[in-house]
Structure formats: structure tokens, C-alpha cells
């Protein structure tokens, strides 16, 4: 057995930022249904949807 140290990063150093967002109940229900159907977490789905959205939005 080796005595190598367990290395962990401090929270927040993974390139992610924790934020608080208000969301309509019906939108949250749709996300939860989609999460259950696809086996993704709510967080993963929100990140996928936001990533797609910011790359494909057009500002007029």
C-alpha cells in the first residue's frame, strides 16, 4: 500500500460558480420530467440548455 496523499481541489476551483436563480414552477416541473426521462440531473440539463442558448441567441 502506498502512502500517496489524497489530493482534492477547493470548492469553486473547478471552473463552476454556484448561483441562485428564480424559475417558474411549470418550467421546473418540465425540467424535472425531462431529467427523469433522460437520466440527467436537473443541474446537468440546465447547463446543457444554457450552453446551447448562449451560443445560439440573437440579440436585436
Protein backbone atom coordinates (compact mmCIF):
# COMPACT_ATOMS: atom_id res chain seq x y z
CA UNK A 1 0.00 0.00 0.00
CA UNK A 2 1.41 3.40 -0.94
CA UNK A 3 1.23 6.49 1.22
CA UNK A 4 0.37 8.91 -1.57
CA UNK A 5 -1.71 11.84 -0.35
CA UNK A 6 -5.30 12.24 -1.46
CA UNK A 7 -5.40 15.47 -3.47
CA UNK A 8 -8.66 17.40 -3.69
CA UNK A 9 -9.41 20.85 -5.04
CA UNK A 10 -11.13 23.54 -3.06
CA UNK A 11 -14.77 24.00 -4.00
CA UNK A 12 -15.19 26.53 -6.76
CA UNK A 13 -11.84 25.79 -8.38
CA UNK A 14 -13.40 23.51 -10.98
CA UNK A 15 -14.48 26.36 -13.24
CA UNK A 16 -18.04 26.31 -11.91
CA UNK A 17 -19.79 29.01 -9.93
CA UNK A 18 -22.75 28.44 -7.64
CA UNK A 19 -25.61 30.89 -8.25
CA UNK A 20 -29.24 31.27 -7.24
CA UNK A 21 -31.93 31.52 -9.92
CA UNK A 22 -35.68 32.04 -9.69
CA UNK A 23 -37.60 29.79 -12.05
CA UNK A 24 -41.30 29.36 -12.75
CA UNK A 25 -42.87 26.28 -11.22
CA UNK A 26 -44.12 24.94 -14.56
CA UNK A 27 -40.64 25.28 -16.10
CA UNK A 28 -39.14 23.46 -13.11
CA UNK A 29 -41.72 20.68 -13.48
CA UNK A 30 -40.80 20.32 -17.17
CA UNK A 31 -37.11 20.16 -16.27
CA UNK A 32 -37.79 17.51 -13.65
CA UNK A 33 -39.80 15.42 -16.13
CA UNK A 34 -37.01 15.73 -18.70
CA UNK A 35 -34.42 14.82 -16.08
CA UNK A 36 -36.34 11.68 -15.13
CA UNK A 37 -36.80 10.73 -18.79
CA UNK A 38 -33.15 11.25 -19.79
CA UNK A 39 -31.35 10.19 -16.60
CA UNK A 40 -29.59 13.56 -16.42
CA UNK A 41 -29.61 15.59 -13.23
CA UNK A 42 -31.53 18.85 -13.18
CA UNK A 43 -28.20 20.68 -12.90
CA UNK A 44 -26.74 18.88 -15.93
CA UNK A 45 -29.80 19.69 -18.03
CA UNK A 46 -29.78 23.35 -17.04
CA UNK A 47 -26.11 23.61 -18.00
CA UNK A 48 -26.72 21.90 -21.36
CA UNK A 49 -29.69 24.14 -22.14
CA UNK A 50 -27.88 27.34 -21.05
CA UNK A 51 -24.76 26.44 -23.01
CA UNK A 52 -26.81 25.88 -26.14
CA UNK A 53 -28.82 29.04 -25.55
CA UNK A 54 -25.91 31.43 -25.12
CA UNK A 55 -24.22 30.04 -28.22
CA UNK A 56 -27.33 30.38 -30.37
CA UNK A 57 -29.01 33.56 -29.16
CA UNK A 58 -29.51 36.54 -31.45
CA UNK A 59 -29.72 40.00 -29.93
CA UNK A 60 -31.77 42.50 -31.92
